Protein backbone atom coordinates (compact mmCIF):
# COMPACT_ATOMS: atom_id res chain seq x y z
CA MET A 1 44.12 -181.13 -19.59
CA GLN A 2 40.99 -179.18 -20.46
CA ALA A 3 39.66 -179.41 -23.97
CA LYS A 4 40.07 -176.17 -25.89
CA ARG A 5 36.99 -173.98 -26.30
CA ASN A 6 37.03 -170.76 -28.33
CA LEU A 7 34.54 -167.91 -28.39
CA ILE A 8 34.90 -166.33 -31.82
CA GLY A 9 31.22 -165.71 -32.57
CA THR A 10 28.07 -166.52 -30.59
CA ASP A 11 26.67 -168.25 -33.67
CA GLU A 12 29.39 -170.87 -33.23
CA TRP A 13 27.94 -171.86 -29.83
CA PRO A 14 24.64 -173.77 -29.54
CA ASP A 15 21.46 -172.24 -28.14
CA ASP A 16 21.60 -174.06 -24.80
CA GLU A 17 25.14 -172.88 -24.07
CA ILE A 18 24.32 -169.27 -24.91
CA ARG A 19 21.25 -169.44 -22.70
CA ALA A 20 23.37 -170.90 -19.90
CA VAL A 21 25.90 -168.05 -20.19
CA LEU A 22 23.12 -165.44 -20.07
CA SER A 23 21.50 -167.12 -17.07
CA ARG A 24 24.82 -167.30 -15.26
CA ALA A 25 25.61 -163.67 -16.09
CA ALA A 26 22.27 -162.58 -14.62
CA ALA A 27 22.99 -164.57 -11.46
CA LEU A 28 26.48 -163.10 -11.12
CA LYS A 29 25.09 -159.61 -11.59
CA ALA A 30 22.55 -160.32 -8.84
CA GLY A 31 25.35 -161.24 -6.45
CA ALA A 32 25.91 -164.97 -6.91
CA THR A 33 29.29 -166.23 -5.76
CA GLY A 34 31.58 -166.62 -8.74
CA ASP A 35 34.04 -169.41 -9.50
CA SER A 36 37.64 -168.74 -8.56
CA PHE A 37 40.26 -168.01 -11.20
CA ALA A 38 43.05 -168.01 -8.61
CA GLY A 39 46.39 -168.69 -10.23
CA LYS A 40 44.99 -168.24 -13.74
CA ALA A 41 45.90 -165.60 -16.29
CA LEU A 42 44.13 -164.10 -19.29
CA VAL A 43 46.50 -162.63 -21.88
CA MET A 44 44.80 -159.86 -23.87
CA VAL A 45 46.24 -158.60 -27.15
CA PHE A 46 44.83 -155.29 -28.40
CA PHE A 47 45.70 -154.34 -31.97
CA ASN A 48 43.07 -151.58 -31.59
CA PRO A 49 41.98 -149.22 -28.77
CA SER A 50 39.57 -150.19 -26.04
CA LEU A 51 37.79 -148.72 -23.03
CA ARG A 52 34.93 -151.03 -21.99
CA THR A 53 36.40 -154.28 -23.30
CA ARG A 54 39.79 -153.89 -21.62
CA THR A 55 38.41 -152.57 -18.35
CA SER A 56 35.61 -155.10 -18.03
CA PHE A 57 37.89 -158.06 -18.71
CA GLU A 58 40.53 -156.81 -16.27
CA VAL A 59 37.91 -156.27 -13.58
CA ALA A 60 36.31 -159.65 -14.29
CA MET A 61 39.61 -161.48 -13.82
CA ALA A 62 40.46 -159.51 -10.67
CA ARG A 63 37.00 -160.05 -9.18
CA HIS A 64 37.46 -163.81 -9.49
CA GLY A 65 40.99 -163.84 -8.18
CA GLY A 66 42.76 -164.17 -11.52
CA HIS A 67 45.10 -161.86 -13.40
CA ALA A 68 44.85 -160.11 -16.77
CA VAL A 69 47.86 -159.13 -18.88
CA VAL A 70 47.38 -156.39 -21.50
CA LEU A 71 49.58 -156.19 -24.59
CA GLU A 72 49.42 -153.56 -27.34
CA PRO A 73 51.56 -154.61 -30.31
CA GLY A 74 53.72 -151.71 -31.45
CA ASN A 75 53.19 -149.87 -28.15
CA GLY A 76 55.14 -151.51 -25.36
CA ALA A 77 55.13 -154.86 -27.19
CA TRP A 78 56.77 -155.81 -30.46
CA ALA A 79 54.87 -155.03 -33.65
CA ILE A 80 53.37 -158.28 -34.96
CA GLU A 81 53.43 -159.49 -38.55
CA THR A 82 50.08 -161.14 -39.23
CA ARG A 83 50.59 -162.41 -42.79
CA SER A 84 51.76 -165.88 -43.67
CA GLY A 85 54.82 -166.67 -45.76
CA VAL A 86 56.18 -163.12 -45.88
CA VAL A 87 59.79 -161.97 -45.79
CA MET A 88 59.89 -160.00 -42.54
CA ASP A 89 62.17 -157.16 -43.62
CA GLY A 90 59.77 -154.38 -42.57
CA GLU A 91 58.79 -152.84 -39.22
CA ALA A 92 57.29 -155.93 -37.59
CA VAL A 93 59.80 -158.08 -35.71
CA GLU A 94 57.43 -160.68 -34.21
CA HIS A 95 55.31 -163.12 -36.20
CA ILE A 96 51.76 -163.95 -35.14
CA VAL A 97 52.51 -167.68 -35.06
CA ASP A 98 55.38 -167.25 -32.59
CA ALA A 99 53.50 -164.71 -30.49
CA ALA A 100 50.43 -166.94 -30.22
CA ARG A 101 52.46 -170.01 -29.28
CA VAL A 102 54.36 -168.18 -26.55
CA LEU A 103 51.38 -166.36 -25.08
CA GLY A 104 49.46 -169.62 -24.92
CA ARG A 105 52.23 -170.98 -22.68
CA TYR A 106 51.83 -168.04 -20.28
CA GLY A 107 48.06 -167.88 -19.83
CA GLU A 108 45.08 -170.20 -19.51
CA ALA A 109 43.33 -168.21 -22.26
CA VAL A 110 44.19 -165.58 -24.85
CA ALA A 111 41.88 -162.77 -25.96
CA VAL A 112 42.42 -160.72 -29.12
CA ARG A 113 40.98 -157.53 -30.60
CA ALA A 114 41.82 -156.98 -34.27
CA PHE A 115 39.76 -154.72 -36.53
CA PRO A 116 39.84 -155.35 -40.29
CA THR A 117 42.92 -154.11 -42.13
CA ALA A 118 42.71 -155.98 -45.45
CA ASP A 119 42.20 -154.31 -48.82
CA THR A 120 39.13 -156.37 -49.70
CA TRP A 121 36.14 -157.59 -47.71
CA ALA A 122 36.68 -161.12 -49.02
CA GLU A 123 40.05 -161.12 -47.24
CA ALA A 124 38.93 -159.21 -44.14
CA LYS A 125 35.95 -161.47 -43.46
CA ARG A 126 38.24 -164.44 -42.91
CA ASP A 127 39.23 -162.91 -39.54
CA ASP A 128 42.75 -164.22 -40.05
CA VAL A 129 44.30 -162.55 -37.00
CA VAL A 130 41.80 -163.90 -34.48
CA ARG A 131 41.69 -167.32 -36.10
CA SER A 132 45.49 -167.53 -36.32
CA PHE A 133 45.73 -166.95 -32.58
CA ALA A 134 43.04 -169.59 -32.07
CA LYS A 135 44.98 -172.05 -34.23
CA HIS A 136 48.41 -171.55 -32.68
CA ALA A 137 47.89 -170.51 -29.03
CA GLY A 138 46.96 -173.98 -27.83
CA VAL A 139 44.58 -172.50 -25.22
CA PRO A 140 41.06 -171.07 -25.54
CA LEU A 141 40.70 -167.91 -27.63
CA ILE A 142 38.22 -165.12 -26.89
CA ASN A 143 37.40 -162.70 -29.69
CA MET A 144 37.32 -159.15 -28.28
CA GLU A 145 36.13 -157.82 -31.68
CA SER A 146 37.18 -158.66 -35.18
CA ALA A 147 35.96 -157.84 -38.68
CA ARG A 148 33.04 -160.27 -38.37
CA ARG A 149 32.05 -160.62 -34.72
CA HIS A 150 32.02 -159.00 -31.28
CA PRO A 151 30.57 -161.89 -29.27
CA CYS A 152 30.93 -160.44 -25.78
CA GLN A 153 29.15 -157.27 -26.87
CA GLY A 154 26.42 -159.42 -28.39
CA LEU A 155 25.99 -161.31 -25.12
CA ALA A 156 25.74 -158.03 -23.21
CA ASP A 157 23.14 -156.85 -25.73
CA ALA A 158 21.11 -160.02 -25.17
CA LEU A 159 21.26 -159.68 -21.38
CA THR A 160 20.14 -156.04 -21.62
CA LEU A 161 17.22 -156.99 -23.85
CA GLN A 162 16.17 -159.66 -21.36
CA GLU A 163 16.33 -157.15 -18.51
CA HIS A 164 14.40 -154.36 -20.20
CA VAL A 165 12.19 -155.96 -22.87
CA GLY A 166 11.48 -159.28 -21.19
CA GLU A 167 13.29 -162.42 -20.14
CA ARG A 168 11.51 -164.16 -23.02
CA PRO A 169 10.97 -161.37 -25.57
CA GLU A 170 9.84 -163.63 -28.42
CA GLY A 171 8.03 -161.67 -31.10
CA ARG A 172 8.95 -158.27 -29.73
CA ARG A 173 10.53 -155.97 -32.30
CA PHE A 174 14.25 -155.25 -32.31
CA VAL A 175 15.42 -152.63 -34.80
CA LEU A 176 19.05 -152.44 -35.87
CA ALA A 177 19.16 -148.89 -37.22
CA TRP A 178 22.03 -147.83 -39.46
CA CYS A 179 23.08 -144.26 -38.65
CA TRP A 180 25.37 -141.86 -40.44
CA HIS A 181 28.97 -141.61 -39.27
CA PRO A 182 31.93 -139.74 -40.74
CA ARG A 183 33.95 -142.95 -40.94
CA SER A 184 33.43 -146.43 -42.33
CA LEU A 185 33.11 -148.76 -39.34
CA PRO A 186 33.25 -152.58 -39.12
CA THR A 187 30.14 -154.76 -39.23
CA ALA A 188 31.09 -156.90 -36.23
CA VAL A 189 28.86 -155.09 -33.74
CA PRO A 190 25.73 -154.85 -35.90
CA ALA A 191 26.00 -158.50 -36.93
CA SER A 192 26.50 -159.58 -33.31
CA ALA A 193 23.62 -157.41 -32.08
CA ALA A 194 21.27 -158.89 -34.68
CA LEU A 195 22.41 -162.38 -33.67
CA ALA A 196 21.66 -161.54 -30.02
CA ALA A 197 18.09 -160.46 -30.77
CA ALA A 198 17.59 -163.41 -33.12
CA ARG A 199 18.72 -165.78 -30.37
CA LEU A 200 15.97 -164.37 -28.14
CA GLY A 201 13.33 -165.07 -30.79
CA MET A 202 12.65 -161.42 -31.53
CA GLU A 203 11.38 -159.82 -34.72
CA VAL A 204 14.66 -158.45 -36.07
CA VAL A 205 14.34 -155.51 -38.44
CA ILE A 206 17.50 -154.16 -40.06
CA ALA A 207 16.94 -150.60 -41.28
CA ARG A 208 19.69 -149.40 -43.59
CA PRO A 209 20.06 -147.34 -46.79
CA GLN A 210 20.60 -149.09 -50.09
CA GLY A 211 24.24 -150.16 -50.43
CA PHE A 212 24.76 -150.89 -46.72
CA ASP A 213 23.64 -154.50 -46.43
CA LEU A 214 25.42 -156.80 -44.01
CA ASP A 215 27.48 -159.64 -45.43
CA PRO A 216 25.27 -162.34 -47.01
CA ASP A 217 26.94 -165.08 -44.94
CA ASP A 218 26.29 -163.08 -41.77
CA MET A 219 22.67 -162.60 -42.79
CA GLN A 220 22.39 -166.36 -43.29
CA SER A 221 23.70 -166.92 -39.77
CA ILE A 222 21.29 -164.37 -38.30
CA MET A 223 18.34 -165.95 -40.11
CA ALA A 224 19.39 -169.45 -39.05
CA VAL A 225 19.61 -168.43 -35.39
CA ALA A 226 16.26 -166.63 -35.64
CA GLY A 227 14.66 -169.65 -37.28
CA SER A 228 15.79 -172.01 -34.53
CA ASN A 229 14.40 -169.71 -31.83
CA GLY A 230 11.05 -168.69 -33.31
CA GLY A 231 12.21 -165.27 -34.47
CA SER A 232 12.19 -163.51 -37.83
CA VAL A 233 14.42 -161.22 -39.85
CA ARG A 234 13.64 -158.58 -42.45
CA VAL A 235 15.53 -155.70 -44.06
CA THR A 236 14.14 -152.29 -44.95
CA ASP A 237 15.32 -148.89 -46.16
CA ASP A 238 12.55 -147.10 -44.22
CA MET A 239 13.90 -146.28 -40.78
CA ASP A 240 10.80 -144.41 -39.62
CA SER A 241 8.42 -147.30 -40.24
CA ALA A 242 10.86 -149.77 -38.69
CA VAL A 243 11.20 -147.73 -35.49
CA ALA A 244 7.47 -147.03 -35.14
CA GLY A 245 6.17 -149.50 -32.57
CA ALA A 246 9.60 -151.00 -31.85
CA ASP A 247 10.46 -152.40 -28.44
CA ALA A 248 14.20 -151.81 -28.79
CA VAL A 249 16.23 -149.65 -31.16
CA TYR A 250 19.94 -150.30 -31.57
CA ALA A 251 21.68 -147.46 -33.42
CA LYS A 252 24.92 -148.41 -35.13
CA SER A 253 27.04 -147.24 -38.03
CA TRP A 254 28.84 -149.50 -40.47
CA GLY A 255 30.53 -149.16 -43.80
CA SER A 256 29.42 -150.34 -47.21
CA LEU A 257 30.93 -153.72 -47.99
CA ASP A 258 30.57 -152.91 -51.68
CA ALA A 259 33.04 -150.05 -51.14
CA PHE A 260 35.23 -151.82 -48.59
CA GLY A 261 38.79 -150.48 -48.71
CA ASN A 262 37.76 -147.45 -50.77
CA SER A 263 37.07 -144.60 -48.35
CA ALA A 264 36.18 -142.13 -51.11
CA ALA A 265 33.55 -144.46 -52.58
CA ASP A 266 32.15 -145.26 -49.14
CA HIS A 267 31.95 -141.55 -48.29
CA ALA A 268 30.09 -140.85 -51.52
CA LEU A 269 27.61 -143.62 -50.73
CA ARG A 270 26.91 -142.40 -47.19
CA THR A 271 26.81 -138.65 -47.89
CA PRO A 272 23.08 -138.54 -48.85
CA TYR A 273 22.11 -140.22 -45.56
CA ARG A 274 23.44 -137.78 -43.01
CA GLY A 275 19.88 -137.39 -41.72
CA TRP A 276 19.86 -141.04 -40.61
CA ARG A 277 20.28 -140.57 -36.87
CA MET A 278 18.25 -141.36 -33.80
CA ASP A 279 16.43 -138.48 -32.11
CA GLU A 280 13.63 -137.87 -29.65
CA LYS A 281 10.98 -137.70 -32.36
CA LYS A 282 11.81 -141.18 -33.64
CA MET A 283 12.06 -142.70 -30.16
CA SER A 284 8.68 -141.25 -29.24
CA THR A 285 7.13 -143.43 -31.97
CA THR A 286 8.37 -146.67 -30.38
CA ARG A 287 5.91 -148.94 -28.54
CA ASP A 288 3.90 -146.63 -26.22
CA GLY A 289 6.78 -144.16 -26.63
CA GLU A 290 8.81 -146.32 -24.26
CA GLY A 291 11.02 -148.48 -26.47
CA ILE A 292 14.58 -148.74 -25.22
CA PHE A 293 17.61 -147.28 -26.97
CA LEU A 294 20.84 -149.25 -27.25
CA HIS A 295 24.34 -148.52 -28.52
CA CYS A 296 27.62 -150.35 -27.88
CA LEU A 297 29.60 -147.14 -27.15
CA PRO A 298 31.66 -145.16 -27.84
CA VAL A 299 29.14 -143.02 -29.71
CA ARG A 300 29.40 -139.65 -31.45
CA ARG A 301 26.77 -137.52 -29.75
CA ASN A 302 24.51 -135.49 -32.02
CA VAL A 303 25.89 -137.36 -35.03
CA VAL A 304 24.65 -140.92 -34.51
CA VAL A 305 22.17 -140.04 -31.76
CA THR A 306 21.06 -136.86 -30.01
CA ASP A 307 21.86 -135.91 -26.43
CA GLY A 308 18.14 -136.00 -25.73
CA VAL A 309 17.97 -139.72 -26.51
CA LEU A 310 21.24 -140.71 -24.83
CA ASP A 311 20.38 -138.84 -21.65
CA GLY A 312 16.64 -139.43 -21.86
CA PRO A 313 14.27 -142.09 -20.52
CA TRP A 314 14.82 -144.45 -23.47
CA SER A 315 18.54 -144.96 -23.01
CA ARG A 316 19.92 -148.19 -21.59
CA VAL A 317 23.46 -147.76 -22.88
CA THR A 318 25.05 -147.63 -19.42
CA ASP A 319 23.25 -150.81 -18.34
CA GLN A 320 24.38 -152.36 -21.61
CA ALA A 321 28.00 -151.39 -20.93
CA GLU A 322 27.83 -152.68 -17.35
CA ASN A 323 26.56 -156.00 -18.66
CA ARG A 324 29.81 -156.47 -20.54
CA LEU A 325 31.39 -157.20 -17.16
CA HIS A 326 28.84 -159.80 -16.10
CA VAL A 327 28.61 -161.73 -19.38
CA GLN A 328 32.39 -161.87 -19.56
CA ARG A 329 32.55 -163.22 -16.02
CA ALA A 330 30.18 -165.97 -17.15
CA VAL A 331 32.16 -166.59 -20.35
CA LEU A 332 35.42 -166.81 -18.39
CA GLU A 333 33.86 -169.28 -15.96
CA THR A 334 32.76 -171.42 -18.91
CA ILE A 335 36.10 -171.25 -20.67
CA LEU A 336 38.52 -171.37 -17.75
CA ASN A 337 36.69 -173.79 -15.48
CA ASP A 338 34.82 -176.02 -17.93
CA GLY A 339 36.51 -178.87 -19.73
CA SER A 340 33.94 -179.57 -22.44
CA SER A 341 34.90 -178.85 -26.04
CA GLN A 342 33.44 -176.38 -28.53
């Protein structure tokens, strides 16, 4: 029996394994013959909507001869109770422990998407839903986005940076640029994107307004990964100076952790920063005016970023989205066909 290997965050995998996944993803994208997943199933549980994640995983399994099963609790599948020790006299009729145990008997791996729903960040950051599935499924767990991490998106970000900034982009500047959004969004994508650039040894600059820092533990992880790969990390509240001369700009919105669970307080904090968005003028100040623009998608056009940037020469968002497919093929090969433990 294969040893169990989970992918919950890329910072939980060592440098050499991440580099191997990226190298394999590049080879698969270039046409290398992939391993067979014939007779194997990936069970995907989506507590939240998906376009790229669901489609790319389904295509990845099909392309390698395997099968993907999609479940949406509360919509065609029983609503799942995720708390421990509760009296289940409400709407949910299935408990996460039972669901995880059963699904692990049906598939060779389970993948879960679960955005934060807790009242406090201290509770949400535990990623209880994803980690409960990992604990009880008995097979490898792939995190398809949680409160803390979106590892497959981060891997796709890293592959895109290698393709368009340089296979070894050490010292080149990567800017994670907070942008205004009408809603408070999770920090999983920005943290994972910063980890991706840090893993490549880049100069990581996080440009955000006061009150919108990433979680201190996540910052520690980003700095540790950067330190082991010759990179650096700094934080600024001056977006213009951060973007000027940048090699890559990753626009992303996220909520204030200080106001987590309080939408009115978060809205009040973000209201003064509606002008924080990426436009042609900012992108023209990147290195030689040719820095690349990245975003995980979906994106609110002319709110987070202008049409002129998304449809202009800077944009690599479609390449970035395509790369979700190839890094996930490489991840699935590692998890489904590799017996070493994580």
